[in-house]
Amino acid sequence: MLKFIGKRLAYAILTLFLIATATFFLVAGAPGDPIAAKVGQMPEQAQEIIEEKYGLDKPVLQRYVIYMKNLLTTGDFGESIIYTGKSANDVIKTNTWVSAKIGLLAQCH
């Protein structure tokens, strides 16, 4: 029984790793610029400062290593680009219960 649980846990960890990796590279490879899409027209210097703040000035593989290191060591998803001043973890915590309620309601009907 312990072997079965260990195997399931290993599959769950591998699945979460693959989902996080796929999501990162899909978002990184999406056309457009997340900063320009949010703010619209802004001076180039301001855009460079924001890109540096969020690490978007680094190569994709370097950003991925930083993302995975933060995720695996501290569980930190980073700062939210959409909700300025909030961490992505805070946004997830805020919206988890709403998603859980919707999921439970869907299962009941």
N, C-alpha and C. Protein backbone atom coordinates (compact mmCIF):
# COMPACT_ATOMS: atom_id res chain seq x y z
N MET A 1 0.82 -1.19 0.00
CA MET A 1 0.00 0.00 0.00
C MET A 1 0.86 1.26 0.00
N LEU A 2 1.95 1.24 0.78
CA LEU A 2 2.85 2.38 0.86
C LEU A 2 3.52 2.63 -0.49
N LYS A 3 3.84 1.54 -1.18
CA LYS A 3 4.45 1.66 -2.51
C LYS A 3 3.48 2.31 -3.49
N PHE A 4 2.22 1.93 -3.41
CA PHE A 4 1.18 2.50 -4.27
C PHE A 4 1.03 4.01 -4.03
N ILE A 5 0.99 4.42 -2.76
CA ILE A 5 0.85 5.83 -2.42
C ILE A 5 2.08 6.61 -2.89
N GLY A 6 3.26 6.04 -2.70
CA GLY A 6 4.49 6.68 -3.15
C GLY A 6 4.52 6.87 -4.66
N LYS A 7 4.04 5.86 -5.37
CA LYS A 7 3.99 5.93 -6.84
C LYS A 7 3.02 7.01 -7.29
N ARG A 8 1.86 7.07 -6.66
CA ARG A 8 0.86 8.10 -7.00
C ARG A 8 1.38 9.49 -6.69
N LEU A 9 2.08 9.63 -5.58
CA LEU A 9 2.64 10.92 -5.21
C LEU A 9 3.71 11.35 -6.22
N ALA A 10 4.54 10.42 -6.65
CA ALA A 10 5.57 10.72 -7.66
C ALA A 10 4.92 11.15 -8.97
N TYR A 11 3.85 10.48 -9.38
CA TYR A 11 3.14 10.88 -10.60
C TYR A 11 2.52 12.27 -10.47
N ALA A 12 2.00 12.57 -9.28
CA ALA A 12 1.39 13.89 -9.05
C ALA A 12 2.45 14.98 -9.14
N ILE A 13 3.61 14.76 -8.54
CA ILE A 13 4.69 15.74 -8.59
C ILE A 13 5.18 15.92 -10.02
N LEU A 14 5.35 14.83 -10.74
CA LEU A 14 5.77 14.92 -12.14
C LEU A 14 4.73 15.67 -12.98
N THR A 15 3.46 15.40 -12.75
CA THR A 15 2.40 16.07 -13.49
C THR A 15 2.40 17.57 -13.21
N LEU A 16 2.54 17.95 -11.95
CA LEU A 16 2.58 19.37 -11.61
C LEU A 16 3.80 20.07 -12.23
N PHE A 17 4.93 19.38 -12.24
CA PHE A 17 6.14 19.92 -12.87
C PHE A 17 5.92 20.14 -14.37
N LEU A 18 5.33 19.16 -15.03
CA LEU A 18 5.08 19.27 -16.47
C LEU A 18 4.07 20.37 -16.78
N ILE A 19 3.05 20.51 -15.95
CA ILE A 19 2.06 21.58 -16.16
C ILE A 19 2.69 22.95 -15.97
N ALA A 20 3.50 23.11 -14.92
CA ALA A 20 4.17 24.39 -14.67
C ALA A 20 5.13 24.73 -15.81
N THR A 21 5.86 23.73 -16.29
CA THR A 21 6.81 23.95 -17.39
C THR A 21 6.07 24.30 -18.68
N ALA A 22 5.05 23.55 -19.00
CA ALA A 22 4.29 23.82 -20.23
C ALA A 22 3.64 25.19 -20.17
N THR A 23 3.05 25.54 -19.04
CA THR A 23 2.41 26.85 -18.90
C THR A 23 3.42 27.97 -19.05
N PHE A 24 4.59 27.82 -18.43
CA PHE A 24 5.62 28.85 -18.53
C PHE A 24 6.01 29.08 -19.98
N PHE A 25 6.31 28.01 -20.71
CA PHE A 25 6.79 28.17 -22.08
C PHE A 25 5.68 28.60 -23.05
N LEU A 26 4.45 28.20 -22.78
CA LEU A 26 3.34 28.68 -23.62
C LEU A 26 3.12 30.18 -23.45
N VAL A 27 3.19 30.64 -22.22
CA VAL A 27 3.03 32.07 -21.97
C VAL A 27 4.23 32.84 -22.52
N ALA A 28 5.43 32.31 -22.32
CA ALA A 28 6.63 32.99 -22.83
C ALA A 28 6.64 33.04 -24.36
N GLY A 29 6.07 32.03 -25.00
CA GLY A 29 6.06 31.98 -26.46
C GLY A 29 4.88 32.66 -27.11
N ALA A 30 3.95 33.14 -26.29
CA ALA A 30 2.77 33.80 -26.85
C ALA A 30 3.16 35.11 -27.52
N PRO A 31 2.50 35.43 -28.61
CA PRO A 31 2.83 36.68 -29.29
C PRO A 31 2.43 37.90 -28.45
N GLY A 32 3.15 38.97 -28.64
CA GLY A 32 2.83 40.19 -27.91
C GLY A 32 3.67 40.35 -26.67
N ASP A 33 3.51 41.48 -26.04
CA ASP A 33 4.28 41.83 -24.86
C ASP A 33 3.30 42.08 -23.71
N PRO A 34 3.43 41.35 -22.60
CA PRO A 34 2.47 41.52 -21.51
C PRO A 34 2.49 42.92 -20.90
N ILE A 35 3.65 43.54 -20.88
CA ILE A 35 3.76 44.89 -20.32
C ILE A 35 3.07 45.90 -21.23
N ALA A 36 3.37 45.85 -22.52
CA ALA A 36 2.76 46.79 -23.47
C ALA A 36 1.25 46.59 -23.55
N ALA A 37 0.80 45.35 -23.43
CA ALA A 37 -0.64 45.07 -23.48
C ALA A 37 -1.34 45.68 -22.27
N LYS A 38 -0.68 45.70 -21.13
CA LYS A 38 -1.30 46.23 -19.91
C LYS A 38 -1.32 47.75 -19.90
N VAL A 39 -0.21 48.36 -20.25
CA VAL A 39 -0.08 49.80 -20.08
C VAL A 39 -0.40 50.56 -21.36
N GLY A 40 -0.27 49.92 -22.49
CA GLY A 40 -0.51 50.61 -23.76
C GLY A 40 0.74 51.36 -24.18
N GLN A 41 0.57 52.56 -24.66
CA GLN A 41 1.71 53.37 -25.09
C GLN A 41 2.42 53.96 -23.87
N MET A 42 3.72 53.73 -23.80
CA MET A 42 4.53 54.30 -22.73
C MET A 42 5.93 54.55 -23.27
N PRO A 43 6.67 55.44 -22.64
CA PRO A 43 8.04 55.69 -23.10
C PRO A 43 8.88 54.41 -23.03
N GLU A 44 9.83 54.32 -23.95
CA GLU A 44 10.66 53.12 -24.03
C GLU A 44 11.46 52.90 -22.74
N GLN A 45 11.91 53.98 -22.11
CA GLN A 45 12.67 53.87 -20.87
C GLN A 45 11.81 53.26 -19.75
N ALA A 46 10.57 53.67 -19.67
CA ALA A 46 9.66 53.12 -18.67
C ALA A 46 9.41 51.64 -18.92
N GLN A 47 9.26 51.28 -20.18
CA GLN A 47 9.05 49.87 -20.52
C GLN A 47 10.27 49.05 -20.13
N GLU A 48 11.47 49.57 -20.35
CA GLU A 48 12.69 48.85 -19.98
C GLU A 48 12.78 48.65 -18.47
N ILE A 49 12.38 49.65 -17.70
CA ILE A 49 12.40 49.54 -16.24
C ILE A 49 11.43 48.45 -15.77
N ILE A 50 10.25 48.42 -16.36
CA ILE A 50 9.25 47.41 -15.98
C ILE A 50 9.71 46.02 -16.40
N GLU A 51 10.28 45.90 -17.60
CA GLU A 51 10.80 44.60 -18.05
C GLU A 51 11.89 44.10 -17.13
N GLU A 52 12.75 45.01 -16.67
CA GLU A 52 13.81 44.61 -15.74
C GLU A 52 13.22 44.18 -14.40
N LYS A 53 12.20 44.89 -13.93
CA LYS A 53 11.56 44.55 -12.65
C LYS A 53 10.99 43.14 -12.66
N TYR A 54 10.34 42.78 -13.77
CA TYR A 54 9.72 41.45 -13.88
C TYR A 54 10.65 40.41 -14.48
N GLY A 55 11.86 40.79 -14.83
CA GLY A 55 12.82 39.84 -15.39
C GLY A 55 12.60 39.52 -16.85
N LEU A 56 11.78 40.31 -17.53
CA LEU A 56 11.48 40.03 -18.94
C LEU A 56 12.61 40.43 -19.86
N ASP A 57 13.65 41.06 -19.31
CA ASP A 57 14.81 41.43 -20.11
C ASP A 57 15.82 40.28 -20.21
N LYS A 58 15.58 39.20 -19.49
CA LYS A 58 16.48 38.04 -19.50
C LYS A 58 16.01 37.02 -20.54
N PRO A 59 16.93 36.15 -21.00
CA PRO A 59 16.53 35.08 -21.93
C PRO A 59 15.51 34.13 -21.29
N VAL A 60 14.72 33.49 -22.13
CA VAL A 60 13.62 32.63 -21.66
C VAL A 60 14.14 31.51 -20.75
N LEU A 61 15.22 30.86 -21.12
CA LEU A 61 15.73 29.75 -20.30
C LEU A 61 16.20 30.23 -18.94
N GLN A 62 16.81 31.40 -18.88
CA GLN A 62 17.23 31.95 -17.60
C GLN A 62 16.02 32.29 -16.73
N ARG A 63 14.99 32.85 -17.34
CA ARG A 63 13.76 33.14 -16.60
C ARG A 63 13.12 31.86 -16.09
N TYR A 64 13.17 30.79 -16.88
CA TYR A 64 12.59 29.52 -16.48
C TYR A 64 13.33 28.95 -15.27
N VAL A 65 14.66 29.01 -15.29
CA VAL A 65 15.45 28.50 -14.17
C VAL A 65 15.14 29.29 -12.90
N ILE A 66 15.05 30.61 -13.01
CA ILE A 66 14.72 31.45 -11.86
C ILE A 66 13.32 31.11 -11.34
N TYR A 67 12.37 30.96 -12.26
CA TYR A 67 10.98 30.62 -11.90
C TYR A 67 10.93 29.29 -11.16
N MET A 68 11.57 28.26 -11.70
CA MET A 68 11.54 26.94 -11.08
C MET A 68 12.27 26.94 -9.74
N LYS A 69 13.38 27.66 -9.66
CA LYS A 69 14.12 27.74 -8.40
C LYS A 69 13.24 28.37 -7.31
N ASN A 70 12.58 29.48 -7.64
CA ASN A 70 11.70 30.13 -6.66
C ASN A 70 10.51 29.25 -6.32
N LEU A 71 9.97 28.58 -7.32
CA LEU A 71 8.80 27.73 -7.09
C LEU A 71 9.14 26.54 -6.20
N LEU A 72 10.26 25.90 -6.47
CA LEU A 72 10.62 24.69 -5.72
C LEU A 72 11.19 24.99 -4.34
N THR A 73 11.89 26.11 -4.18
CA THR A 73 12.51 26.39 -2.88
C THR A 73 11.57 27.12 -1.93
N THR A 74 10.77 28.05 -2.44
CA THR A 74 9.92 28.85 -1.55
C THR A 74 8.44 28.75 -1.87
N GLY A 75 8.08 28.11 -2.97
CA GLY A 75 6.68 28.05 -3.37
C GLY A 75 6.17 29.37 -3.90
N ASP A 76 7.08 30.23 -4.34
CA ASP A 76 6.74 31.57 -4.80
C ASP A 76 6.53 31.59 -6.31
N PHE A 77 5.35 32.03 -6.74
CA PHE A 77 5.05 32.15 -8.16
C PHE A 77 5.49 33.50 -8.74
N GLY A 78 5.95 34.39 -7.89
CA GLY A 78 6.40 35.69 -8.34
C GLY A 78 5.34 36.76 -8.17
N GLU A 79 5.65 37.95 -8.69
CA GLU A 79 4.74 39.08 -8.57
C GLU A 79 3.77 39.07 -9.75
N SER A 80 2.54 39.40 -9.47
CA SER A 80 1.51 39.44 -10.50
C SER A 80 1.72 40.65 -11.40
N ILE A 81 1.66 40.45 -12.69
CA ILE A 81 1.75 41.56 -13.64
C ILE A 81 0.39 42.23 -13.76
N ILE A 82 -0.68 41.47 -13.66
CA ILE A 82 -2.03 42.00 -13.80
C ILE A 82 -2.43 42.82 -12.58
N TYR A 83 -2.25 42.25 -11.39
CA TYR A 83 -2.62 42.92 -10.14
C TYR A 83 -1.37 43.54 -9.52
N THR A 84 -1.09 44.77 -9.85
CA THR A 84 0.12 45.46 -9.42
C THR A 84 0.21 45.51 -7.90
N GLY A 85 1.39 45.14 -7.40
CA GLY A 85 1.63 45.19 -5.96
C GLY A 85 1.22 43.94 -5.21
N LYS A 86 0.66 42.96 -5.90
CA LYS A 86 0.26 41.70 -5.26
C LYS A 86 1.12 40.58 -5.81
N SER A 87 1.40 39.61 -4.94
CA SER A 87 2.10 38.43 -5.43
C SER A 87 1.09 37.49 -6.08
N ALA A 88 1.58 36.66 -6.96
CA ALA A 88 0.69 35.69 -7.61
C ALA A 88 0.12 34.73 -6.58
N ASN A 89 0.89 34.43 -5.53
CA ASN A 89 0.39 33.56 -4.47
C ASN A 89 -0.83 34.16 -3.78
N ASP A 90 -0.80 35.49 -3.54
CA ASP A 90 -1.94 36.16 -2.92
C ASP A 90 -3.18 36.08 -3.81
N VAL A 91 -2.98 36.25 -5.10
CA VAL A 91 -4.10 36.19 -6.04
C VAL A 91 -4.69 34.78 -6.05
N ILE A 92 -3.82 33.78 -6.02
CA ILE A 92 -4.28 32.38 -6.00
C ILE A 92 -5.06 32.11 -4.71
N LYS A 93 -4.51 32.56 -3.56
CA LYS A 93 -5.20 32.34 -2.28
C LYS A 93 -6.58 32.99 -2.27
N THR A 94 -6.65 34.19 -2.81
CA THR A 94 -7.92 34.92 -2.82
C THR A 94 -8.97 34.20 -3.66
N ASN A 95 -8.56 33.63 -4.77
CA ASN A 95 -9.52 33.05 -5.71
C ASN A 95 -9.70 31.54 -5.57
N THR A 96 -8.93 30.89 -4.71
CA THR A 96 -9.03 29.44 -4.57
C THR A 96 -10.40 29.01 -4.07
N TRP A 97 -10.93 29.70 -3.06
CA TRP A 97 -12.21 29.30 -2.49
C TRP A 97 -13.36 29.51 -3.47
N VAL A 98 -13.29 30.55 -4.27
CA VAL A 98 -14.33 30.77 -5.27
C VAL A 98 -14.32 29.62 -6.28
N SER A 99 -13.12 29.26 -6.73
CA SER A 99 -13.01 28.14 -7.69
C SER A 99 -13.47 26.83 -7.06
N ALA A 100 -13.12 26.62 -5.79
CA ALA A 100 -13.54 25.38 -5.11
C ALA A 100 -15.06 25.32 -4.98
N LYS A 101 -15.68 26.44 -4.63
CA LYS A 101 -17.14 26.46 -4.52
C LYS A 101 -17.81 26.16 -5.86
N ILE A 102 -17.30 26.74 -6.91
CA ILE A 102 -17.86 26.49 -8.25
C ILE A 102 -17.69 25.02 -8.61
N GLY A 103 -16.51 24.48 -8.32
CA GLY A 103 -16.27 23.05 -8.60
C GLY A 103 -17.19 22.15 -7.82
N LEU A 104 -17.40 22.47 -6.54
CA LEU A 104 -18.30 21.65 -5.73
C LEU A 104 -19.74 21.75 -6.21
N LEU A 105 -20.15 22.97 -6.57
CA LEU A 105 -21.50 23.13 -7.09
C LEU A 105 -21.69 22.36 -8.40
N ALA A 106 -20.67 22.32 -9.22
CA ALA A 106 -20.75 21.59 -10.48
C ALA A 106 -20.87 20.08 -10.25
N GLN A 107 -20.20 19.60 -9.20
CA GLN A 107 -20.26 18.17 -8.87
C GLN A 107 -21.62 17.78 -8.31
N CYS A 108 -22.28 18.72 -7.64
CA CYS A 108 -23.57 18.42 -7.02
C CYS A 108 -24.71 18.37 -8.03
N HIS A 109 -24.54 19.01 -9.17
CA HIS A 109 -25.63 19.07 -10.14
C HIS A 109 -25.37 18.17 -11.27
